[in-house]
Amino acid sequence: MNSIPHLKFISLLPAVLLVGLVLSPLHAELRIGTDRLTVLETLGQPEGRIEMGSLERLFYERGEIQLRDGEVTRIELISETAAEARREQQARAAEARRKRGEAIKADRLEDPDFRARPAAERYAFWRDFQREFPEVDVFILYTEAKVAFERDEEQRRTAERLAQVERRVFEAESRARQAENTARTLQTPPRVQYVTPWPVIHHNRTTHRHPPFIHRPRPKPQQPQPRTPTHFRIQRSTDTIPSTLGLSNAEPLSGFSLGY
């Protein structure tokens, strides 16, 4: 009768040992309320860290530990088996990404149209390629494209500066010519022309002169003075010339004569 409990104790021993093996990892020592020093001694330095006042979050490959006032308040860690499975999955994804990136890299290197593109386009392509496929080494291609791009940008900026200088010089010369013309106009006396009442023949065309500055109206013609009408009368030959002409009254006129 006493052997049965003893046998049961022996049969339960492997289960207890199995539970001990499951709880044996280092994170099994972590529990709510564990201090920060124990967390660092158990898991090591975190891969990332966020601190917001009294709240602190530590990020590890296997999960996250949250602390408040230096004590653990939340534990989100996966087992080592799950972490290993995730690492294998990430490795397979990285290998597939590397193969795809190598194929794209070889295709671009053999494409003459891509090599003939401007340096700005090639630099942008290799920059994005390096971010998408970090497993593929394109450091030399990226550096060459970047150097060419920076050289083209410097030439473009130099050309823009020269164009601005030339434009400013042209504007300054235009203002100087305008000021010189204005000064010459102010120093030259005005040209005065007088109106002539007769047309002028110029280049086989009849034109009229008009003064640009001074207009002098034509003088009004003077009206002729009215003349005293003279009365004429006809004298016959039988008439005699008055004595006022100094002739004798006895001398007759032949024909007609004028008298007044």
C-alpha atoms as a PDB file:
ATOM      1  CA  MET A   1       0.000   0.000   0.000  1.00  0.00           C
ATOM      2  CA  ASN A   2       2.794   2.394   0.793  1.00  0.00           C
ATOM      3  CA  SER A   3       4.472   1.681  -2.530  1.00  0.00           C
ATOM      4  CA  ILE A   4       1.745   3.305  -4.588  1.00  0.00           C
ATOM      5  CA  PRO A   5       2.301   6.855  -3.324  1.00  0.00           C
ATOM      6  CA  HIS A   6       5.991   6.369  -3.797  1.00  0.00           C
ATOM      7  CA  LEU A   7       5.417   5.298  -7.383  1.00  0.00           C
ATOM      8  CA  LYS A   8       3.167   8.303  -7.967  1.00  0.00           C
ATOM      9  CA  PHE A   9       5.917  10.570  -6.662  1.00  0.00           C
ATOM     10  CA  ILE A  10       8.417   8.975  -9.023  1.00  0.00           C
ATOM     11  CA  SER A  11       6.027   9.352 -11.958  1.00  0.00           C
ATOM     12  CA  LEU A  12       5.455  13.053 -11.244  1.00  0.00           C
ATOM     13  CA  LEU A  13       9.170  13.840 -11.057  1.00  0.00           C
ATOM     14  CA  PRO A  14       9.741  14.173 -14.834  1.00  0.00           C
ATOM     15  CA  ALA A  15       6.828  16.637 -15.085  1.00  0.00           C
ATOM     16  CA  VAL A  16       8.311  18.770 -12.331  1.00  0.00           C
ATOM     17  CA  LEU A  17      11.693  18.696 -14.041  1.00  0.00           C
ATOM     18  CA  LEU A  18      10.045  19.688 -17.360  1.00  0.00           C
ATOM     19  CA  VAL A  19       8.346  22.654 -15.757  1.00  0.00           C
ATOM     20  CA  GLY A  20      11.656  23.657 -14.261  1.00  0.00           C
ATOM     21  CA  LEU A  21      13.285  23.521 -17.678  1.00  0.00           C
ATOM     22  CA  VAL A  22      10.548  25.701 -19.158  1.00  0.00           C
ATOM     23  CA  LEU A  23      10.949  28.266 -16.372  1.00  0.00           C
ATOM     24  CA  SER A  24      14.725  28.076 -16.403  1.00  0.00           C
ATOM     25  CA  PRO A  25      15.410  30.770 -19.065  1.00  0.00           C
ATOM     26  CA  LEU A  26      16.676  34.074 -17.843  1.00  0.00           C
ATOM     27  CA  HIS A  27      13.371  35.861 -18.383  1.00  0.00           C
ATOM     28  CA  ALA A  28      11.752  33.469 -15.944  1.00  0.00           C
ATOM     29  CA  GLU A  29      13.448  35.475 -13.186  1.00  0.00           C
ATOM     30  CA  LEU A  30      11.604  38.596 -14.339  1.00  0.00           C
ATOM     31  CA  ARG A  31       8.252  39.358 -12.787  1.00  0.00           C
ATOM     32  CA  ILE A  32       6.090  42.340 -12.055  1.00  0.00           C
ATOM     33  CA  GLY A  33       7.931  44.555  -9.606  1.00  0.00           C
ATOM     34  CA  THR A  34      11.462  43.524 -10.627  1.00  0.00           C
ATOM     35  CA  ASP A  35      13.843  46.461 -10.522  1.00  0.00           C
ATOM     36  CA  ARG A  36      15.579  47.858 -13.589  1.00  0.00           C
ATOM     37  CA  LEU A  37      19.048  46.619 -12.631  1.00  0.00           C
ATOM     38  CA  THR A  38      17.837  43.021 -12.543  1.00  0.00           C
ATOM     39  CA  VAL A  39      16.264  43.428 -15.994  1.00  0.00           C
ATOM     40  CA  LEU A  40      19.545  44.687 -17.453  1.00  0.00           C
ATOM     41  CA  GLU A  41      21.514  41.892 -15.790  1.00  0.00           C
ATOM     42  CA  THR A  42      19.089  39.292 -17.105  1.00  0.00           C
ATOM     43  CA  LEU A  43      18.444  40.504 -20.662  1.00  0.00           C
ATOM     44  CA  GLY A  44      21.396  42.786 -21.242  1.00  0.00           C
ATOM     45  CA  GLN A  45      21.309  46.205 -22.844  1.00  0.00           C
ATOM     46  CA  PRO A  46      18.138  46.840 -24.885  1.00  0.00           C
ATOM     47  CA  GLU A  47      18.157  47.399 -28.632  1.00  0.00           C
ATOM     48  CA  GLY A  48      15.888  50.416 -28.184  1.00  0.00           C
ATOM     49  CA  ARG A  49      14.637  52.584 -25.373  1.00  0.00           C
ATOM     50  CA  ILE A  50      11.867  55.154 -24.865  1.00  0.00           C
ATOM     51  CA  GLU A  51      11.537  57.249 -21.725  1.00  0.00           C
ATOM     52  CA  MET A  52       8.495  59.436 -20.986  1.00  0.00           C
ATOM     53  CA  GLY A  53       8.696  60.866 -17.502  1.00  0.00           C
ATOM     54  CA  SER A  54       8.462  58.023 -14.996  1.00  0.00           C
ATOM     55  CA  LEU A  55       7.535  55.548 -17.765  1.00  0.00           C
ATOM     56  CA  GLU A  56      10.295  53.637 -19.554  1.00  0.00           C
ATOM     57  CA  ARG A  57      10.076  51.053 -22.332  1.00  0.00           C
ATOM     58  CA  LEU A  58      12.955  48.703 -23.166  1.00  0.00           C
ATOM     59  CA  PHE A  59      12.920  46.899 -26.536  1.00  0.00           C
ATOM     60  CA  TYR A  60      14.668  43.565 -27.078  1.00  0.00           C
ATOM     61  CA  GLU A  61      14.742  41.059 -29.893  1.00  0.00           C
ATOM     62  CA  ARG A  62      12.269  38.857 -28.029  1.00  0.00           C
ATOM     63  CA  GLY A  63       9.876  41.576 -26.951  1.00  0.00           C
ATOM     64  CA  GLU A  64       9.373  44.562 -24.691  1.00  0.00           C
ATOM     65  CA  ILE A  65       9.722  45.365 -20.977  1.00  0.00           C
ATOM     66  CA  GLN A  66       7.830  48.308 -19.519  1.00  0.00           C
ATOM     67  CA  LEU A  67       8.920  49.949 -16.281  1.00  0.00           C
ATOM     68  CA  ARG A  68       7.503  52.712 -14.139  1.00  0.00           C
ATOM     69  CA  ASP A  69       9.603  54.400 -11.486  1.00  0.00           C
ATOM     70  CA  GLY A  70      12.347  51.807 -12.092  1.00  0.00           C
ATOM     71  CA  GLU A  71      10.114  48.719 -11.535  1.00  0.00           C
ATOM     72  CA  VAL A  72       8.686  46.300 -14.114  1.00  0.00           C
ATOM     73  CA  THR A  73       4.971  46.858 -14.791  1.00  0.00           C
ATOM     74  CA  ARG A  74       4.556  44.801 -17.987  1.00  0.00           C
ATOM     75  CA  ILE A  75       6.463  41.935 -19.630  1.00  0.00           C
ATOM     76  CA  GLU A  76       5.935  41.082 -23.315  1.00  0.00           C
ATOM     77  CA  LEU A  77       8.607  38.540 -24.196  1.00  0.00           C
ATOM     78  CA  ILE A  78       8.325  35.547 -26.495  1.00  0.00           C
ATOM     79  CA  SER A  79      10.064  32.255 -25.872  1.00  0.00           C
ATOM     80  CA  GLU A  80      13.458  31.420 -27.264  1.00  0.00           C
ATOM     81  CA  THR A  81      11.875  28.913 -29.653  1.00  0.00           C
ATOM     82  CA  ALA A  82       9.531  31.538 -31.059  1.00  0.00           C
ATOM     83  CA  ALA A  83      12.400  33.996 -31.321  1.00  0.00           C
ATOM     84  CA  GLU A  84      14.488  31.450 -33.200  1.00  0.00           C
ATOM     85  CA  ALA A  85      11.618  30.715 -35.575  1.00  0.00           C
ATOM     86  CA  ARG A  86      11.205  34.420 -36.215  1.00  0.00           C
ATOM     87  CA  ARG A  87      14.902  34.818 -36.892  1.00  0.00           C
ATOM     88  CA  GLU A  88      14.782  31.980 -39.420  1.00  0.00           C
ATOM     89  CA  GLN A  89      11.793  33.552 -41.129  1.00  0.00           C
ATOM     90  CA  GLN A  90      13.540  36.902 -41.293  1.00  0.00           C
ATOM     91  CA  ALA A  91      16.633  35.221 -42.711  1.00  0.00           C
ATOM     92  CA  ARG A  92      14.616  33.544 -45.455  1.00  0.00           C
ATOM     93  CA  ALA A  93      12.904  36.832 -46.308  1.00  0.00           C
ATOM     94  CA  ALA A  94      16.269  38.607 -46.397  1.00  0.00           C
ATOM     95  CA  GLU A  95      17.716  35.974 -48.719  1.00  0.00           C
ATOM     96  CA  ALA A  96      14.759  36.261 -51.080  1.00  0.00           C
ATOM     97  CA  ARG A  97      15.086  40.035 -51.020  1.00  0.00           C
ATOM     98  CA  ARG A  98      18.805  39.780 -51.723  1.00  0.00           C
ATOM     99  CA  LYS A  99      18.265  37.570 -54.778  1.00  0.00           C
ATOM    100  CA  ARG A 100      15.644  39.920 -56.146  1.00  0.00           C
ATOM    101  CA  GLY A 101      17.900  42.922 -55.557  1.00  0.00           C
ATOM    102  CA  GLU A 102      20.846  41.254 -57.274  1.00  0.00           C
ATOM    103  CA  ALA A 103      18.691  40.555 -60.320  1.00  0.00           C
ATOM    104  CA  ILE A 104      17.527  44.198 -60.510  1.00  0.00           C
ATOM    105  CA  LYS A 105      21.102  45.427 -60.048  1.00  0.00           C
ATOM    106  CA  ALA A 106      22.421  43.240 -62.891  1.00  0.00           C
ATOM    107  CA  ASP A 107      19.564  44.355 -65.156  1.00  0.00           C
ATOM    108  CA  ARG A 108      20.316  48.045 -64.551  1.00  0.00           C
ATOM    109  CA  LEU A 109      24.037  47.613 -65.126  1.00  0.00           C
ATOM    110  CA  GLU A 110      23.411  45.970 -68.499  1.00  0.00           C
ATOM    111  CA  ASP A 111      20.829  48.567 -69.593  1.00  0.00           C
ATOM    112  CA  PRO A 112      22.474  51.261 -71.815  1.00  0.00           C
ATOM    113  CA  ASP A 113      19.430  53.527 -71.487  1.00  0.00           C
ATOM    114  CA  PHE A 114      19.810  53.555 -67.714  1.00  0.00           C
ATOM    115  CA  ARG A 115      23.506  54.437 -67.943  1.00  0.00           C
ATOM    116  CA  ALA A 116      22.651  57.313 -70.305  1.00  0.00           C
ATOM    117  CA  ARG A 117      20.127  58.839 -67.910  1.00  0.00           C
ATOM    118  CA  PRO A 118      20.954  62.068 -66.069  1.00  0.00           C
ATOM    119  CA  ALA A 119      22.944  61.774 -62.875  1.00  0.00           C
ATOM    120  CA  ALA A 120      19.972  62.982 -60.818  1.00  0.00           C
ATOM    121  CA  GLU A 121      17.823  60.028 -61.939  1.00  0.00           C
ATOM    122  CA  ARG A 122      20.591  57.467 -61.378  1.00  0.00           C
ATOM    123  CA  TYR A 123      21.352  58.891 -57.939  1.00  0.00           C
ATOM    124  CA  ALA A 124      17.673  58.770 -56.922  1.00  0.00           C
ATOM    125  CA  PHE A 125      17.363  55.168 -58.176  1.00  0.00           C
ATOM    126  CA  TRP A 126      20.383  53.815 -56.285  1.00  0.00           C
ATOM    127  CA  ARG A 127      19.376  55.724 -53.152  1.00  0.00           C
ATOM    128  CA  ASP A 128      15.939  54.099 -53.123  1.00  0.00           C
ATOM    129  CA  PHE A 129      17.454  50.753 -54.106  1.00  0.00           C
ATOM    130  CA  GLN A 130      19.816  50.862 -51.131  1.00  0.00           C
ATOM    131  CA  ARG A 131      16.898  51.452 -48.782  1.00  0.00           C
ATOM    132  CA  GLU A 132      14.748  48.669 -50.264  1.00  0.00           C
ATOM    133  CA  PHE A 133      17.521  46.075 -50.653  1.00  0.00           C
ATOM    134  CA  PRO A 134      20.029  46.643 -47.837  1.00  0.00           C
ATOM    135  CA  GLU A 135      21.471  43.151 -48.390  1.00  0.00           C
ATOM    136  CA  VAL A 136      22.796  44.099 -51.862  1.00  0.00           C
ATOM    137  CA  ASP A 137      26.058  46.047 -52.003  1.00  0.00           C
ATOM    138  CA  VAL A 138      25.649  49.102 -54.274  1.00  0.00           C
ATOM    139  CA  PHE A 139      27.916  51.482 -52.366  1.00  0.00           C
ATOM    140  CA  ILE A 140      30.209  52.188 -55.337  1.00  0.00           C
ATOM    141  CA  LEU A 141      27.344  52.735 -57.769  1.00  0.00           C
ATOM    142  CA  TYR A 142      25.540  54.942 -55.275  1.00  0.00           C
ATOM    143  CA  THR A 143      28.670  57.004 -54.577  1.00  0.00           C
ATOM    144  CA  GLU A 144      29.475  57.521 -58.277  1.00  0.00           C
ATOM    145  CA  ALA A 145      25.925  58.641 -59.025  1.00  0.00           C
ATOM    146  CA  LYS A 146      25.947  60.977 -56.018  1.00  0.00           C
ATOM    147  CA  VAL A 147      29.241  62.604 -57.030  1.00  0.00           C
ATOM    148  CA  ALA A 148      27.990  63.139 -60.605  1.00  0.00           C
ATOM    149  CA  PHE A 149      24.717  64.552 -59.302  1.00  0.00           C
ATOM    150  CA  GLU A 150      26.480  67.006 -56.980  1.00  0.00           C
ATOM    151  CA  ARG A 151      28.783  68.088 -59.830  1.00  0.00           C
ATOM    152  CA  ASP A 152      25.813  68.754 -62.132  1.00  0.00           C
ATOM    153  CA  GLU A 153      24.030  70.659 -59.363  1.00  0.00           C
ATOM    154  CA  GLU A 154      27.088  72.845 -58.801  1.00  0.00           C
ATOM    155  CA  GLN A 155      27.322  73.605 -62.528  1.00  0.00           C
ATOM    156  CA  ARG A 156      23.632  74.442 -62.635  1.00  0.00           C
ATOM    157  CA  ARG A 157      23.915  76.785 -59.664  1.00  0.00           C
ATOM    158  CA  THR A 158      26.957  78.459 -61.231  1.00  0.00           C
ATOM    159  CA  ALA A 159      25.082  78.989 -64.490  1.00  0.00           C
ATOM    160  CA  GLU A 160      22.142  80.475 -62.603  1.00  0.00           C
ATOM    161  CA  ARG A 161      24.425  82.863 -60.724  1.00  0.00           C
ATOM    162  CA  LEU A 162      26.090  83.981 -63.967  1.00  0.00           C
ATOM    163  CA  ALA A 163      22.680  84.522 -65.578  1.00  0.00           C
ATOM    164  CA  GLN A 164      21.596  86.645 -62.619  1.00  0.00           C
ATOM    165  CA  VAL A 165      24.791  88.714 -62.798  1.00  0.00           C
ATOM    166  CA  GLU A 166      24.359  89.268 -66.546  1.00  0.00           C
ATOM    167  CA  ARG A 167      20.729  90.268 -66.057  1.00  0.00           C
ATOM    168  CA  ARG A 168      21.677  92.757 -63.336  1.00  0.00           C
ATOM    169  CA  VAL A 169      24.446  94.240 -65.503  1.00  0.00           C
ATOM    170  CA  PHE A 170      22.032  94.612 -68.422  1.00  0.00           C
ATOM    171  CA  GLU A 171      19.459  96.326 -66.206  1.00  0.00           C
ATOM    172  CA  ALA A 172      22.127  98.673 -64.802  1.00  0.00           C
ATOM    173  CA  GLU A 173      23.312  99.588 -68.313  1.00  0.00           C
ATOM    174  CA  SER A 174      19.715 100.214 -69.397  1.00  0.00           C
ATOM    175  CA  ARG A 175      19.142 102.526 -66.435  1.00  0.00           C
ATOM    176  CA  ALA A 176      22.415 104.350 -67.171  1.00  0.00           C
ATOM    177  CA  ARG A 177      21.453 104.893 -70.835  1.00  0.00           C
ATOM    178  CA  GLN A 178      18.031 106.117 -69.808  1.00  0.00           C
ATOM    179  CA  ALA A 179      19.543 108.550 -67.302  1.00  0.00           C
ATOM    180  CA  GLU A 180      22.037 109.790 -69.923  1.00  0.00           C
ATOM    181  CA  ASN A 181      19.271 110.381 -72.455  1.00  0.00           C
ATOM    182  CA  THR A 182      17.223 112.223 -69.851  1.00  0.00           C
ATOM    183  CA  ALA A 183      20.187 114.449 -68.937  1.00  0.00           C
ATOM    184  CA  ARG A 184      20.912 115.183 -72.605  1.00  0.00           C
ATOM    185  CA  THR A 185      17.285 116.122 -73.168  1.00  0.00           C
ATOM    186  CA  LEU A 186      17.307 118.503 -70.210  1.00  0.00           C
ATOM    187  CA  GLN A 187      20.549 120.177 -71.383  1.00  0.00           C
ATOM    188  CA  THR A 188      19.415 120.720 -74.998  1.00  0.00           C
ATOM    189  CA  PRO A 189      17.409 123.972 -75.509  1.00  0.00           C
ATOM    190  CA  PRO A 190      13.950 123.512 -76.971  1.00  0.00           C
ATOM    191  CA  ARG A 191      13.602 123.823 -80.700  1.00  0.00           C
ATOM    192  CA  VAL A 192      11.203 126.568 -81.751  1.00  0.00           C
ATOM    193  CA  GLN A 193       9.516 126.617 -85.115  1.00  0.00           C
ATOM    194  CA  TYR A 194       7.193 129.237 -86.469  1.00  0.00           C
ATOM    195  CA  VAL A 195       4.125 128.639 -88.477  1.00  0.00           C
ATOM    196  CA  THR A 196       4.384 129.672 -92.093  1.00  0.00           C
ATOM    197  CA  PRO A 197       1.244 130.363 -94.062  1.00  0.00           C
ATOM    198  CA  TRP A 198       2.597 128.644 -97.121  1.00  0.00           C
ATOM    199  CA  PRO A 199       3.214 124.949 -97.847  1.00  0.00           C
ATOM    200  CA  VAL A 200       6.742 123.583 -97.994  1.00  0.00           C
ATOM    201  CA  ILE A 201       7.891 121.100-100.636  1.00  0.00           C
ATOM    202  CA  HIS A 202       9.801 118.266 -98.943  1.00  0.00           C
ATOM    203  CA  HIS A 203      10.756 115.032-100.687  1.00  0.00           C
ATOM    204  CA  ASN A 204       8.252 115.588-103.445  1.00  0.00           C
ATOM    205  CA  ARG A 205       5.471 115.944-100.911  1.00  0.00           C
ATOM    206  CA  THR A 206       3.619 119.027 -99.947  1.00  0.00           C
ATOM    207  CA  THR A 207       3.620 119.347 -96.185  1.00  0.00           C
ATOM    208  CA  HIS A 208       2.865 122.079 -93.717  1.00  0.00           C
ATOM    209  CA  ARG A 209       5.171 122.998 -90.924  1.00  0.00           C
ATOM    210  CA  HIS A 210       3.798 122.826 -87.424  1.00  0.00           C
ATOM    211  CA  PRO A 211       5.845 123.973 -84.451  1.00  0.00           C
ATOM    212  CA  PRO A 212       6.346 121.371 -81.730  1.00  0.00           C
ATOM    213  CA  PHE A 213       6.585 123.906 -78.910  1.00  0.00           C
ATOM    214  CA  ILE A 214       5.342 127.411 -79.759  1.00  0.00           C
ATOM    215  CA  HIS A 215       2.250 128.245 -81.720  1.00  0.00           C
ATOM    216  CA  ARG A 216       1.934 131.737 -83.015  1.00  0.00           C
ATOM    217  CA  PRO A 217      -1.356 132.483 -84.729  1.00  0.00           C
ATOM    218  CA  ARG A 218      -1.289 134.152 -88.101  1.00  0.00           C
ATOM    219  CA  PRO A 219      -1.993 137.877 -87.967  1.00  0.00           C
ATOM    220  CA  LYS A 220      -5.393 138.909 -89.143  1.00  0.00           C
ATOM    221  CA  PRO A 221      -5.361 140.691 -92.509  1.00  0.00           C
ATOM    222  CA  GLN A 222      -6.134 144.394 -92.311  1.00  0.00           C
ATOM    223  CA  GLN A 223      -9.432 145.439 -93.773  1.00  0.00           C
ATOM    224  CA  PRO A 224      -9.049 147.978 -96.626  1.00  0.00           C
ATOM    225  CA  GLN A 225     -10.264 151.447 -95.808  1.00  0.00           C
ATOM    226  CA  PRO A 226     -13.426 152.389 -97.675  1.00  0.00           C
ATOM    227  CA  ARG A 227     -12.699 154.830-100.462  1.00  0.00           C
ATOM    228  CA  THR A 228     -14.785 157.875-101.079  1.00  0.00           C
ATOM    229  CA  PRO A 229     -16.794 157.194-104.184  1.00  0.00           C
ATOM    230  CA  THR A 230     -15.923 159.445-107.103  1.00  0.00           C
ATOM    231  CA  HIS A 231     -18.781 160.781-109.204  1.00  0.00           C
ATOM    232  CA  PHE A 232     -18.197 161.085-112.870  1.00  0.00           C
ATOM    233  CA  ARG A 233     -20.238 162.899-115.386  1.00  0.00           C
ATOM    234  CA  ILE A 234     -19.959 163.167-119.109  1.00  0.00           C
ATOM    235  CA  GLN A 235     -19.622 166.558-120.745  1.00  0.00           C
ATOM    236  CA  ARG A 236     -20.308 167.059-124.298  1.00  0.00           C
ATOM    237  CA  SER A 237     -18.211 169.027-126.672  1.00  0.00           C
ATOM    238  CA  THR A 238     -20.549 171.868-126.345  1.00  0.00           C
ATOM    239  CA  ASP A 239     -19.704 172.162-122.685  1.00  0.00           C
ATOM    240  CA  THR A 240     -16.947 174.374-121.577  1.00  0.00           C
ATOM    241  CA  ILE A 241     -14.153 173.516-119.189  1.00  0.00           C
ATOM    242  CA  PRO A 242     -14.461 175.309-115.911  1.00  0.00           C
ATOM    243  CA  SER A 243     -11.994 177.964-115.144  1.00  0.00           C
ATOM    244  CA  THR A 244     -10.549 175.881-112.389  1.00  0.00           C
ATOM    245  CA  LEU A 245      -8.559 173.887-114.961  1.00  0.00           C
ATOM    246  CA  GLY A 246      -6.877 177.043-116.165  1.00  0.00           C
ATOM    247  CA  LEU A 247      -8.471 176.894-119.584  1.00  0.00           C
ATOM    248  CA  SER A 248     -10.526 179.446-121.306  1.00  0.00           C
ATOM    249  CA  ASN A 249     -14.225 178.932-121.467  1.00  0.00           C
ATOM    250  CA  ALA A 250     -14.107 179.788-125.139  1.00  0.00           C
ATOM    251  CA  GLU A 251     -12.160 176.621-126.031  1.00  0.00           C
ATOM    252  CA  PRO A 252     -14.564 173.874-126.782  1.00  0.00           C
ATOM    253  CA  LEU A 253     -13.765 170.153-126.222  1.00  0.00           C
ATOM    254  CA  SER A 254     -13.885 167.695-129.015  1.00  0.00           C
ATOM    255  CA  GLY A 255     -15.754 164.538-128.316  1.00  0.00           C
ATOM    256  CA  PHE A 256     -16.432 163.682-124.669  1.00  0.00           C
ATOM    257  CA  SER A 257     -14.527 164.621-121.591  1.00  0.00           C
ATOM    258  CA  LEU A 258     -14.664 163.745-117.962  1.00  0.00           C
ATOM    259  CA  GLY A 259     -15.570 166.260-115.368  1.00  0.00           C
ATOM    260  CA  TYR A 260     -16.267 166.360-111.702  1.00  0.00           C
END
